[in-house]
Amino acid sequence: MGDNKIPEALKELRIQNGMTQAQFSKKLNIARQTYSAYERGVRTPDLDLVKNVAELYDVSLDWLVLGKRDTDPFASLPEDAGRLCRTFYALPPESQREALDFIDFLEQKSRTEP
């Protein structure tokens, strides 16, 4: 398995939230010594704890475990569909509305053509 990013992520989350190791570990319902070992990389937390951290602090498992900050939510789509979605969400709201209107037009046009 590649580099373990969990220790760095835990420390970053703790500091961002202005907490000591004791406060952070209390919120996770684990001993401070156990948490300290996770943060130093001496021990690895189990999956349930990792999921709990992700949910409590609203971070992705990709970031917490792999260190990936900007996961593309459209990566699993075919290339053209992913490009379309990324482009659409990069548009300002008014342009998104115009794009949807145009799609509605094309959809209606395709129904009336043989």
PDB file of N, CA and C in Angstrom:
ATOM      1  N   MET A   1       0.850  -1.172   0.000  1.00  0.00           N
ATOM      2  CA  MET A   1       0.000   0.000   0.000  1.00  0.00           C
ATOM      3  C   MET A   1       0.894   1.233   0.000  1.00  0.00           C
ATOM      4  N   GLY A   2       0.482   2.290  -0.690  1.00  0.00           N
ATOM      5  CA  GLY A   2       1.307   3.485  -0.836  1.00  0.00           C
ATOM      6  C   GLY A   2       1.495   4.234   0.468  1.00  0.00           C
ATOM      7  N   ASP A   3       1.943   5.462   0.337  1.00  0.00           N
ATOM      8  CA  ASP A   3       2.174   6.303   1.507  1.00  0.00           C
ATOM      9  C   ASP A   3       0.885   6.506   2.288  1.00  0.00           C
ATOM     10  N   ASN A   4       0.998   6.397   3.608  1.00  0.00           N
ATOM     11  CA  ASN A   4      -0.139   6.617   4.484  1.00  0.00           C
ATOM     12  C   ASN A   4      -0.276   8.111   4.746  1.00  0.00           C
ATOM     13  N   LYS A   5      -1.352   8.702   4.265  1.00  0.00           N
ATOM     14  CA  LYS A   5      -1.591  10.138   4.423  1.00  0.00           C
ATOM     15  C   LYS A   5      -2.436  10.455   5.650  1.00  0.00           C
ATOM     16  N   ILE A   6      -2.935   9.428   6.318  1.00  0.00           N
ATOM     17  CA  ILE A   6      -3.835   9.640   7.448  1.00  0.00           C
ATOM     18  C   ILE A   6      -3.195  10.472   8.560  1.00  0.00           C
ATOM     19  N   PRO A   7      -1.951  10.190   8.973  1.00  0.00           N
ATOM     20  CA  PRO A   7      -1.376  11.004  10.057  1.00  0.00           C
ATOM     21  C   PRO A   7      -1.361  12.504   9.740  1.00  0.00           C
ATOM     22  N   GLU A   8      -0.951  12.859   8.529  1.00  0.00           N
ATOM     23  CA  GLU A   8      -0.903  14.269   8.132  1.00  0.00           C
ATOM     24  C   GLU A   8      -2.304  14.877   8.109  1.00  0.00           C
ATOM     25  N   ALA A   9      -3.271  14.116   7.579  1.00  0.00           N
ATOM     26  CA  ALA A   9      -4.642  14.613   7.484  1.00  0.00           C
ATOM     27  C   ALA A   9      -5.242  14.827   8.874  1.00  0.00           C
ATOM     28  N   LEU A  10      -5.022  13.882   9.780  1.00  0.00           N
ATOM     29  CA  LEU A  10      -5.551  14.021  11.139  1.00  0.00           C
ATOM     30  C   LEU A  10      -4.999  15.272  11.814  1.00  0.00           C
ATOM     31  N   LYS A  11      -3.693  15.451  11.695  1.00  0.00           N
ATOM     32  CA  LYS A  11      -3.073  16.616  12.323  1.00  0.00           C
ATOM     33  C   LYS A  11      -3.614  17.905  11.713  1.00  0.00           C
ATOM     34  N   GLU A  12      -3.745  17.937  10.389  1.00  0.00           N
ATOM     35  CA  GLU A  12      -4.264  19.127   9.721  1.00  0.00           C
ATOM     36  C   GLU A  12      -5.684  19.438  10.177  1.00  0.00           C
ATOM     37  N   LEU A  13      -6.528  18.416  10.241  1.00  0.00           N
ATOM     38  CA  LEU A  13      -7.909  18.630  10.699  1.00  0.00           C
ATOM     39  C   LEU A  13      -7.949  19.146  12.134  1.00  0.00           C
ATOM     40  N   ARG A  14      -7.132  18.546  12.981  1.00  0.00           N
ATOM     41  CA  ARG A  14      -7.102  18.943  14.386  1.00  0.00           C
ATOM     42  C   ARG A  14      -6.697  20.410  14.524  1.00  0.00           C
ATOM     43  N   ILE A  15      -5.652  20.796  13.818  1.00  0.00           N
ATOM     44  CA  ILE A  15      -5.155  22.177  13.893  1.00  0.00           C
ATOM     45  C   ILE A  15      -6.167  23.152  13.294  1.00  0.00           C
ATOM     46  N   GLN A  16      -6.754  22.791  12.146  1.00  0.00           N
ATOM     47  CA  GLN A  16      -7.765  23.656  11.520  1.00  0.00           C
ATOM     48  C   GLN A  16      -8.944  23.918  12.445  1.00  0.00           C
ATOM     49  N   ASN A  17      -9.244  22.935  13.288  1.00  0.00           N
ATOM     50  CA  ASN A  17     -10.372  23.060  14.204  1.00  0.00           C
ATOM     51  C   ASN A  17      -9.964  23.605  15.563  1.00  0.00           C
ATOM     52  N   GLY A  18      -8.691  24.011  15.679  1.00  0.00           N
ATOM     53  CA  GLY A  18      -8.202  24.629  16.900  1.00  0.00           C
ATOM     54  C   GLY A  18      -8.278  23.732  18.122  1.00  0.00           C
ATOM     55  N   MET A  19      -7.993  22.460  17.929  1.00  0.00           N
ATOM     56  CA  MET A  19      -8.123  21.505  19.020  1.00  0.00           C
ATOM     57  C   MET A  19      -6.778  20.926  19.433  1.00  0.00           C
ATOM     58  N   THR A  20      -6.695  20.558  20.700  1.00  0.00           N
ATOM     59  CA  THR A  20      -5.537  19.811  21.180  1.00  0.00           C
ATOM     60  C   THR A  20      -5.757  18.338  20.841  1.00  0.00           C
ATOM     61  N   GLN A  21      -4.720  17.540  20.995  1.00  0.00           N
ATOM     62  CA  GLN A  21      -4.885  16.108  20.781  1.00  0.00           C
ATOM     63  C   GLN A  21      -5.921  15.535  21.745  1.00  0.00           C
ATOM     64  N   ALA A  22      -5.931  16.021  22.967  1.00  0.00           N
ATOM     65  CA  ALA A  22      -6.894  15.529  23.963  1.00  0.00           C
ATOM     66  C   ALA A  22      -8.333  15.851  23.543  1.00  0.00           C
ATOM     67  N   GLN A  23      -8.560  17.070  23.056  1.00  0.00           N
ATOM     68  CA  GLN A  23      -9.905  17.464  22.621  1.00  0.00           C
ATOM     69  C   GLN A  23     -10.343  16.671  21.396  1.00  0.00           C
ATOM     70  N   PHE A  24      -9.426  16.536  20.447  1.00  0.00           N
ATOM     71  CA  PHE A  24      -9.748  15.829  19.207  1.00  0.00           C
ATOM     72  C   PHE A  24     -10.055  14.362  19.506  1.00  0.00           C
ATOM     73  N   SER A  25      -9.223  13.743  20.328  1.00  0.00           N
ATOM     74  CA  SER A  25      -9.425  12.324  20.643  1.00  0.00           C
ATOM     75  C   SER A  25     -10.720  12.112  21.421  1.00  0.00           C
ATOM     76  N   LYS A  26     -11.072  13.056  22.288  1.00  0.00           N
ATOM     77  CA  LYS A  26     -12.323  12.949  23.040  1.00  0.00           C
ATOM     78  C   LYS A  26     -13.515  12.958  22.092  1.00  0.00           C
ATOM     79  N   LYS A  27     -13.461  13.838  21.089  1.00  0.00           N
ATOM     80  CA  LYS A  27     -14.548  13.912  20.108  1.00  0.00           C
ATOM     81  C   LYS A  27     -14.682  12.596  19.330  1.00  0.00           C
ATOM     82  N   LEU A  28     -13.551  11.894  19.163  1.00  0.00           N
ATOM     83  CA  LEU A  28     -13.560  10.614  18.442  1.00  0.00           C
ATOM     84  C   LEU A  28     -13.798   9.423  19.371  1.00  0.00           C
ATOM     85  N   ASN A  29     -13.931   9.697  20.664  1.00  0.00           N
ATOM     86  CA  ASN A  29     -14.145   8.643  21.668  1.00  0.00           C
ATOM     87  C   ASN A  29     -13.008   7.627  21.718  1.00  0.00           C
ATOM     88  N   ILE A  30     -11.781   8.138  21.657  1.00  0.00           N
ATOM     89  CA  ILE A  30     -10.606   7.282  21.791  1.00  0.00           C
ATOM     90  C   ILE A  30      -9.640   7.932  22.777  1.00  0.00           C
ATOM     91  N   ALA A  31      -8.711   7.142  23.300  1.00  0.00           N
ATOM     92  CA  ALA A  31      -7.722   7.665  24.235  1.00  0.00           C
ATOM     93  C   ALA A  31      -6.775   8.620  23.518  1.00  0.00           C
ATOM     94  N   ARG A  32      -6.306   9.647  24.239  1.00  0.00           N
ATOM     95  CA  ARG A  32      -5.377  10.601  23.647  1.00  0.00           C
ATOM     96  C   ARG A  32      -4.113   9.905  23.174  1.00  0.00           C
ATOM     97  N   GLN A  33      -3.624   8.927  23.920  1.00  0.00           N
ATOM     98  CA  GLN A  33      -2.410   8.211  23.539  1.00  0.00           C
ATOM     99  C   GLN A  33      -2.609   7.456  22.220  1.00  0.00           C
ATOM    100  N   THR A  34      -3.783   6.897  22.054  1.00  0.00           N
ATOM    101  CA  THR A  34      -4.105   6.192  20.808  1.00  0.00           C
ATOM    102  C   THR A  34      -4.117   7.179  19.650  1.00  0.00           C
ATOM    103  N   TYR A  35      -4.793   8.315  19.854  1.00  0.00           N
ATOM    104  CA  TYR A  35      -4.838   9.334  18.808  1.00  0.00           C
ATOM    105  C   TYR A  35      -3.435   9.823  18.466  1.00  0.00           C
ATOM    106  N   SER A  36      -2.635  10.072  19.481  1.00  0.00           N
ATOM    107  CA  SER A  36      -1.267  10.542  19.269  1.00  0.00           C
ATOM    108  C   SER A  36      -0.484   9.554  18.404  1.00  0.00           C
ATOM    109  N   ALA A  37      -0.686   8.274  18.644  1.00  0.00           N
ATOM    110  CA  ALA A  37      -0.008   7.239  17.841  1.00  0.00           C
ATOM    111  C   ALA A  37      -0.477   7.278  16.385  1.00  0.00           C
ATOM    112  N   TYR A  38      -1.764   7.579  16.169  1.00  0.00           N
ATOM    113  CA  TYR A  38      -2.280   7.720  14.798  1.00  0.00           C
ATOM    114  C   TYR A  38      -1.629   8.911  14.109  1.00  0.00           C
ATOM    115  N   GLU A  39      -1.570  10.019  14.818  1.00  0.00           N
ATOM    116  CA  GLU A  39      -1.028  11.253  14.239  1.00  0.00           C
ATOM    117  C   GLU A  39       0.465  11.125  13.942  1.00  0.00           C
ATOM    118  N   ARG A  40       1.173  10.356  14.747  1.00  0.00           N
ATOM    119  CA  ARG A  40       2.613  10.139  14.503  1.00  0.00           C
ATOM    120  C   ARG A  40       2.872   9.043  13.479  1.00  0.00           C
ATOM    121  N   GLY A  41       1.835   8.301  13.090  1.00  0.00           N
ATOM    122  CA  GLY A  41       2.003   7.235  12.117  1.00  0.00           C
ATOM    123  C   GLY A  41       2.507   5.937  12.717  1.00  0.00           C
ATOM    124  N   VAL A  42       2.506   5.842  14.040  1.00  0.00           N
ATOM    125  CA  VAL A  42       2.952   4.629  14.728  1.00  0.00           C
ATOM    126  C   VAL A  42       1.885   3.545  14.644  1.00  0.00           C
ATOM    127  N   ARG A  43       0.627   3.970  14.670  1.00  0.00           N
ATOM    128  CA  ARG A  43      -0.511   3.062  14.526  1.00  0.00           C
ATOM    129  C   ARG A  43      -1.407   3.588  13.410  1.00  0.00           C
ATOM    130  N   THR A  44      -2.208   2.691  12.853  1.00  0.00           N
ATOM    131  CA  THR A  44      -3.153   3.072  11.811  1.00  0.00           C
ATOM    132  C   THR A  44      -4.568   2.852  12.331  1.00  0.00           C
ATOM    133  N   PRO A  45      -5.426   3.873  12.220  1.00  0.00           N
ATOM    134  CA  PRO A  45      -6.800   3.706  12.704  1.00  0.00           C
ATOM    135  C   PRO A  45      -7.576   2.715  11.850  1.00  0.00           C
ATOM    136  N   ASP A  46      -8.573   2.063  12.461  1.00  0.00           N
ATOM    137  CA  ASP A  46      -9.393   1.131  11.694  1.00  0.00           C
ATOM    138  C   ASP A  46     -10.353   1.909  10.794  1.00  0.00           C
ATOM    139  N   LEU A  47     -10.969   1.190   9.881  1.00  0.00           N
ATOM    140  CA  LEU A  47     -11.837   1.818   8.887  1.00  0.00           C
ATOM    141  C   LEU A  47     -13.005   2.559   9.529  1.00  0.00           C
ATOM    142  N   ASP A  48     -13.581   2.012  10.585  1.00  0.00           N
ATOM    143  CA  ASP A  48     -14.704   2.688  11.240  1.00  0.00           C
ATOM    144  C   ASP A  48     -14.308   4.065  11.764  1.00  0.00           C
ATOM    145  N   LEU A  49     -13.126   4.159  12.346  1.00  0.00           N
ATOM    146  CA  LEU A  49     -12.671   5.455  12.862  1.00  0.00           C
ATOM    147  C   LEU A  49     -12.408   6.427  11.708  1.00  0.00           C
ATOM    148  N   VAL A  50     -11.807   5.942  10.643  1.00  0.00           N
ATOM    149  CA  VAL A  50     -11.523   6.796   9.488  1.00  0.00           C
ATOM    150  C   VAL A  50     -12.839   7.325   8.901  1.00  0.00           C
ATOM    151  N   LYS A  51     -13.829   6.462   8.768  1.00  0.00           N
ATOM    152  CA  LYS A  51     -15.137   6.896   8.269  1.00  0.00           C
ATOM    153  C   LYS A  51     -15.770   7.906   9.215  1.00  0.00           C
ATOM    154  N   ASN A  52     -15.629   7.691  10.513  1.00  0.00           N
ATOM    155  CA  ASN A  52     -16.176   8.613  11.503  1.00  0.00           C
ATOM    156  C   ASN A  52     -15.534   9.999  11.365  1.00  0.00           C
ATOM    157  N   VAL A  53     -14.226  10.036  11.203  1.00  0.00           N
ATOM    158  CA  VAL A  53     -13.524  11.311  11.023  1.00  0.00           C
ATOM    159  C   VAL A  53     -14.032  12.018   9.763  1.00  0.00           C
ATOM    160  N   ALA A  54     -14.158  11.260   8.675  1.00  0.00           N
ATOM    161  CA  ALA A  54     -14.621  11.846   7.410  1.00  0.00           C
ATOM    162  C   ALA A  54     -16.012  12.452   7.568  1.00  0.00           C
ATOM    163  N   GLU A  55     -16.891  11.754   8.266  1.00  0.00           N
ATOM    164  CA  GLU A  55     -18.252  12.255   8.455  1.00  0.00           C
ATOM    165  C   GLU A  55     -18.288  13.445   9.418  1.00  0.00           C
ATOM    166  N   LEU A  56     -17.568  13.346  10.524  1.00  0.00           N
ATOM    167  CA  LEU A  56     -17.567  14.425  11.519  1.00  0.00           C
ATOM    168  C   LEU A  56     -17.035  15.739  10.961  1.00  0.00           C
ATOM    169  N   TYR A  57     -15.996  15.643  10.125  1.00  0.00           N
ATOM    170  CA  TYR A  57     -15.322  16.846   9.647  1.00  0.00           C
ATOM    171  C   TYR A  57     -15.600  17.133   8.177  1.00  0.00           C
ATOM    172  N   ASP A  58     -16.557  16.395   7.604  1.00  0.00           N
ATOM    173  CA  ASP A  58     -16.996  16.614   6.226  1.00  0.00           C
ATOM    174  C   ASP A  58     -15.825  16.684   5.244  1.00  0.00           C
ATOM    175  N   VAL A  59     -14.997  15.646   5.282  1.00  0.00           N
ATOM    176  CA  VAL A  59     -13.887  15.521   4.339  1.00  0.00           C
ATOM    177  C   VAL A  59     -14.046  14.204   3.595  1.00  0.00           C
ATOM    178  N   SER A  60     -13.455  14.113   2.422  1.00  0.00           N
ATOM    179  CA  SER A  60     -13.576  12.889   1.642  1.00  0.00           C
ATOM    180  C   SER A  60     -12.594  11.837   2.142  1.00  0.00           C
ATOM    181  N   LEU A  61     -12.970  10.600   1.957  1.00  0.00           N
ATOM    182  CA  LEU A  61     -12.061   9.510   2.288  1.00  0.00           C
ATOM    183  C   LEU A  61     -10.830   9.554   1.386  1.00  0.00           C
ATOM    184  N   ASP A  62     -11.005   9.994   0.133  1.00  0.00           N
ATOM    185  CA  ASP A  62      -9.861  10.137  -0.775  1.00  0.00           C
ATOM    186  C   ASP A  62      -8.827  11.088  -0.189  1.00  0.00           C
ATOM    187  N   TRP A  63      -9.294  12.188   0.382  1.00  0.00           N
ATOM    188  CA  TRP A  63      -8.348  13.137   0.980  1.00  0.00           C
ATOM    189  C   TRP A  63      -7.741  12.562   2.245  1.00  0.00           C
ATOM    190  N   LEU A  64      -8.573  12.018   3.092  1.00  0.00           N
ATOM    191  CA  LEU A  64      -8.123  11.520   4.385  1.00  0.00           C
ATOM    192  C   LEU A  64      -7.116  10.383   4.251  1.00  0.00           C
ATOM    193  N   VAL A  65      -7.359   9.462   3.327  1.00  0.00           N
ATOM    194  CA  VAL A  65      -6.510   8.274   3.191  1.00  0.00           C
ATOM    195  C   VAL A  65      -5.403   8.458   2.153  1.00  0.00           C
ATOM    196  N   LEU A  66      -5.747   9.088   1.034  1.00  0.00           N
ATOM    197  CA  LEU A  66      -4.800   9.179  -0.087  1.00  0.00           C
ATOM    198  C   LEU A  66      -4.170  10.556  -0.262  1.00  0.00           C
ATOM    199  N   GLY A  67      -4.730  11.560   0.403  1.00  0.00           N
ATOM    200  CA  GLY A  67      -4.206  12.903   0.262  1.00  0.00           C
ATOM    201  C   GLY A  67      -4.679  13.617  -0.982  1.00  0.00           C
ATOM    202  N   LYS A  68      -5.679  13.043  -1.676  1.00  0.00           N
ATOM    203  CA  LYS A  68      -6.202  13.660  -2.900  1.00  0.00           C
ATOM    204  C   LYS A  68      -7.186  14.750  -2.522  1.00  0.00           C
ATOM    205  N   ARG A  69      -6.837  15.976  -2.849  1.00  0.00           N
ATOM    206  CA  ARG A  69      -7.669  17.119  -2.467  1.00  0.00           C
ATOM    207  C   ARG A  69      -8.802  17.392  -3.450  1.00  0.00           C
ATOM    208  N   ASP A  70      -8.544  17.318  -4.717  1.00  0.00           N
ATOM    209  CA  ASP A  70      -9.555  17.686  -5.707  1.00  0.00           C
ATOM    210  C   ASP A  70      -9.949  16.469  -6.528  1.00  0.00           C
ATOM    211  N   THR A  71     -10.787  15.638  -5.972  1.00  0.00           N
ATOM    212  CA  THR A  71     -11.255  14.469  -6.697  1.00  0.00           C
ATOM    213  C   THR A  71     -12.305  14.912  -7.705  1.00  0.00           C
ATOM    214  N   ASP A  72     -12.161  14.482  -8.942  1.00  0.00           N
ATOM    215  CA  ASP A  72     -13.103  14.839  -9.995  1.00  0.00           C
ATOM    216  C   ASP A  72     -14.362  13.986  -9.845  1.00  0.00           C
ATOM    217  N   PRO A  73     -15.497  14.585  -9.503  1.00  0.00           N
ATOM    218  CA  PRO A  73     -16.711  13.792  -9.316  1.00  0.00           C
ATOM    219  C   PRO A  73     -17.238  13.183 -10.611  1.00  0.00           C
ATOM    220  N   PHE A  74     -16.694  13.618 -11.743  1.00  0.00           N
ATOM    221  CA  PHE A  74     -17.169  13.121 -13.029  1.00  0.00           C
ATOM    222  C   PHE A  74     -16.164  12.169 -13.697  1.00  0.00           C
ATOM    223  N   ALA A  75     -15.154  11.768 -12.971  1.00  0.00           N
ATOM    224  CA  ALA A  75     -14.090  10.940 -13.535  1.00  0.00           C
ATOM    225  C   ALA A  75     -14.599   9.596 -14.046  1.00  0.00           C
ATOM    226  N   SER A  76     -15.663   9.073 -13.465  1.00  0.00           N
ATOM    227  CA  SER A  76     -16.159   7.763 -13.874  1.00  0.00           C
ATOM    228  C   SER A  76     -17.049   7.820 -15.117  1.00  0.00           C
ATOM    229  N   LEU A  77     -17.393   9.014 -15.557  1.00  0.00           N
ATOM    230  CA  LEU A  77     -18.234   9.166 -16.752  1.00  0.00           C
ATOM    231  C   LEU A  77     -17.398   9.012 -18.018  1.00  0.00           C
ATOM    232  N   PRO A  78     -18.050   8.679 -19.137  1.00  0.00           N
ATOM    233  CA  PRO A  78     -17.322   8.706 -20.415  1.00  0.00           C
ATOM    234  C   PRO A  78     -16.724  10.097 -20.633  1.00  0.00           C
ATOM    235  N   GLU A  79     -15.638  10.175 -21.379  1.00  0.00           N
ATOM    236  CA  GLU A  79     -14.879  11.428 -21.516  1.00  0.00           C
ATOM    237  C   GLU A  79     -15.740  12.624 -21.906  1.00  0.00           C
ATOM    238  N   ASP A  80     -16.582  12.465 -22.925  1.00  0.00           N
ATOM    239  CA  ASP A  80     -17.412  13.593 -23.374  1.00  0.00           C
ATOM    240  C   ASP A  80     -18.433  14.009 -22.316  1.00  0.00           C
ATOM    241  N   ALA A  81     -19.024  13.046 -21.640  1.00  0.00           N
ATOM    242  CA  ALA A  81     -20.010  13.361 -20.601  1.00  0.00           C
ATOM    243  C   ALA A  81     -19.334  14.070 -19.428  1.00  0.00           C
ATOM    244  N   GLY A  82     -18.163  13.615 -19.050  1.00  0.00           N
ATOM    245  CA  GLY A  82     -17.426  14.267 -17.975  1.00  0.00           C
ATOM    246  C   GLY A  82     -17.068  15.697 -18.334  1.00  0.00           C
ATOM    247  N   ARG A  83     -16.614  15.890 -19.575  1.00  0.00           N
ATOM    248  CA  ARG A  83     -16.280  17.243 -20.041  1.00  0.00           C
ATOM    249  C   ARG A  83     -17.508  18.137 -20.021  1.00  0.00           C
ATOM    250  N   LEU A  84     -18.629  17.606 -20.473  1.00  0.00           N
ATOM    251  CA  LEU A  84     -19.873  18.372 -20.489  1.00  0.00           C
ATOM    252  C   LEU A  84     -20.267  18.797 -19.072  1.00  0.00           C
ATOM    253  N   CYS A  85     -20.204  17.881 -18.139  1.00  0.00           N
ATOM    254  CA  CYS A  85     -20.572  18.195 -16.747  1.00  0.00           C
ATOM    255  C   CYS A  85     -19.616  19.206 -16.125  1.00  0.00           C
ATOM    256  N   ARG A  86     -18.306  19.015 -16.318  1.00  0.00           N
ATOM    257  CA  ARG A  86     -17.334  19.960 -15.759  1.00  0.00           C
ATOM    258  C   ARG A  86     -17.547  21.357 -16.333  1.00  0.00           C
ATOM    259  N   THR A  87     -17.794  21.432 -17.643  1.00  0.00           N
ATOM    260  CA  THR A  87     -18.011  22.714 -18.302  1.00  0.00           C
ATOM    261  C   THR A  87     -19.292  23.373 -17.789  1.00  0.00           C
ATOM    262  N   PHE A  88     -20.351  22.579 -17.689  1.00  0.00           N
ATOM    263  CA  PHE A  88     -21.631  23.109 -17.220  1.00  0.00           C
ATOM    264  C   PHE A  88     -21.491  23.728 -15.830  1.00  0.00           C
ATOM    265  N   TYR A  89     -20.864  23.004 -14.895  1.00  0.00           N
ATOM    266  CA  TYR A  89     -20.770  23.506 -13.520  1.00  0.00           C
ATOM    267  C   TYR A  89     -19.772  24.648 -13.370  1.00  0.00           C
ATOM    268  N   ALA A  90     -18.943  24.867 -14.383  1.00  0.00           N
ATOM    269  CA  ALA A  90     -18.011  25.996 -14.349  1.00  0.00           C
ATOM    270  C   ALA A  90     -18.685  27.282 -14.832  1.00  0.00           C
ATOM    271  N   LEU A  91     -19.852  27.151 -15.462  1.00  0.00           N
ATOM    272  CA  LEU A  91     -20.580  28.313 -15.975  1.00  0.00           C
ATOM    273  C   LEU A  91     -21.293  29.061 -14.849  1.00  0.00           C
ATOM    274  N   PRO A  92     -21.493  30.355 -15.032  1.00  0.00           N
ATOM    275  CA  PRO A  92     -22.316  31.090 -14.065  1.00  0.00           C
ATOM    276  C   PRO A  92     -23.773  30.620 -14.164  1.00  0.00           C
ATOM    277  N   PRO A  93     -24.570  30.830 -13.120  1.00  0.00           N
ATOM    278  CA  PRO A  93     -25.954  30.321 -13.089  1.00  0.00           C
ATOM    279  C   PRO A  93     -26.801  30.699 -14.303  1.00  0.00           C
ATOM    280  N   GLU A  94     -26.692  31.932 -14.771  1.00  0.00           N
ATOM    281  CA  GLU A  94     -27.500  32.340 -15.924  1.00  0.00           C
ATOM    282  C   GLU A  94     -27.116  31.541 -17.177  1.00  0.00           C
ATOM    283  N   SER A  95     -25.831  31.311 -17.353  1.00  0.00           N
ATOM    284  CA  SER A  95     -25.378  30.521 -18.503  1.00  0.00           C
ATOM    285  C   SER A  95     -25.802  29.062 -18.364  1.00  0.00           C
ATOM    286  N   GLN A  96     -25.840  28.563 -17.142  1.00  0.00           N
ATOM    287  CA  GLN A  96     -26.332  27.199 -16.929  1.00  0.00           C
ATOM    288  C   GLN A  96     -27.795  27.101 -17.358  1.00  0.00           C
ATOM    289  N   ARG A  97     -28.580  28.110 -16.982  1.00  0.00           N
ATOM    290  CA  ARG A  97     -29.995  28.124 -17.367  1.00  0.00           C
ATOM    291  C   ARG A  97     -30.134  28.148 -18.891  1.00  0.00           C
ATOM    292  N   GLU A  98     -29.318  28.961 -19.567  1.00  0.00           N
ATOM    293  CA  GLU A  98     -29.355  29.026 -21.029  1.00  0.00           C
ATOM    294  C   GLU A  98     -28.953  27.682 -21.643  1.00  0.00           C
ATOM    295  N   ALA A  99     -27.962  27.038 -21.065  1.00  0.00           N
ATOM    296  CA  ALA A  99     -27.533  25.728 -21.566  1.00  0.00           C
ATOM    297  C   ALA A  99     -28.661  24.707 -21.421  1.00  0.00           C
ATOM    298  N   LEU A 100     -29.345  24.728 -20.292  1.00  0.00           N
ATOM    299  CA  LEU A 100     -30.468  23.806 -20.094  1.00  0.00           C
ATOM    300  C   LEU A 100     -31.602  24.097 -21.072  1.00  0.00           C
ATOM    301  N   ASP A 101     -31.857  25.384 -21.315  1.00  0.00           N
ATOM    302  CA  ASP A 101     -32.887  25.753 -22.300  1.00  0.00           C
ATOM    303  C   ASP A 101     -32.508  25.224 -23.677  1.00  0.00           C
ATOM    304  N   PHE A 102     -31.239  25.338 -24.026  1.00  0.00           N
ATOM    305  CA  PHE A 102     -30.790  24.861 -25.331  1.00  0.00           C
ATOM    306  C   PHE A 102     -30.905  23.333 -25.415  1.00  0.00           C
ATOM    307  N   ILE A 103     -30.581  22.642 -24.335  1.00  0.00           N
ATOM    308  CA  ILE A 103     -30.725  21.182 -24.315  1.00  0.00           C
ATOM    309  C   ILE A 103     -32.189  20.798 -24.476  1.00  0.00           C
ATOM    310  N   ASP A 104     -33.082  21.532 -23.794  1.00  0.00           N
ATOM    311  CA  ASP A 104     -34.513  21.276 -23.960  1.00  0.00           C
ATOM    312  C   ASP A 104     -34.917  21.466 -25.417  1.00  0.00           C
ATOM    313  N   PHE A 105     -34.418  22.524 -26.055  1.00  0.00           N
ATOM    314  CA  PHE A 105     -34.700  22.781 -27.471  1.00  0.00           C
ATOM    315  C   PHE A 105     -34.222  21.629 -28.339  1.00  0.00           C
ATOM    316  N   LEU A 106     -32.986  21.179 -28.128  1.00  0.00           N
ATOM    317  CA  LEU A 106     -32.438  20.074 -28.925  1.00  0.00           C
ATOM    318  C   LEU A 106     -33.217  18.777 -28.704  1.00  0.00           C
ATOM    319  N   GLU A 107     -33.618  18.551 -27.470  1.00  0.00           N
ATOM    320  CA  GLU A 107     -34.383  17.343 -27.152  1.00  0.00           C
ATOM    321  C   GLU A 107     -35.737  17.367 -27.870  1.00  0.00           C
ATOM    322  N   GLN A 108     -36.407  18.502 -27.827  1.00  0.00           N
ATOM    323  CA  GLN A 108     -37.706  18.630 -28.485  1.00  0.00           C
ATOM    324  C   GLN A 108     -37.546  18.511 -30.006  1.00  0.00           C
ATOM    325  N   LYS A 109     -36.506  19.128 -30.533  1.00  0.00           N
ATOM    326  CA  LYS A 109     -36.231  19.075 -31.973  1.00  0.00           C
ATOM    327  C   LYS A 109     -35.992  17.630 -32.423  1.00  0.00           C
ATOM    328  N   SER A 110     -35.273  16.858 -31.621  1.00  0.00           N
ATOM    329  CA  SER A 110     -34.975  15.472 -32.001  1.00  0.00           C
ATOM    330  C   SER A 110     -36.231  14.599 -31.998  1.00  0.00           C
ATOM    331  N   ARG A 111     -37.228  14.971 -31.192  1.00  0.00           N
ATOM    332  CA  ARG A 111     -38.484  14.207 -31.167  1.00  0.00           C
ATOM    333  C   ARG A 111     -39.346  14.465 -32.396  1.00  0.00           C
ATOM    334  N   THR A 112     -39.216  15.655 -32.993  1.00  0.00           N
ATOM    335  CA  THR A 112     -40.068  16.012 -34.128  1.00  0.00           C
ATOM    336  C   THR A 112     -39.421  15.651 -35.463  1.00  0.00           C
ATOM    337  N   GLU A 113     -38.125  15.390 -35.464  1.00  0.00           N
ATOM    338  CA  GLU A 113     -37.445  15.024 -36.713  1.00  0.00           C
ATOM    339  C   GLU A 113     -37.473  13.518 -36.909  1.00  0.00           C
ATOM    340  N   PRO A 114     -37.588  13.085 -38.181  1.00  0.00           N
ATOM    341  CA  PRO A 114     -37.593  11.639 -38.450  1.00  0.00           C
ATOM    342  C   PRO A 114     -36.242  11.003 -38.242  1.00  0.00           C
TER     343      PRO A 114
END
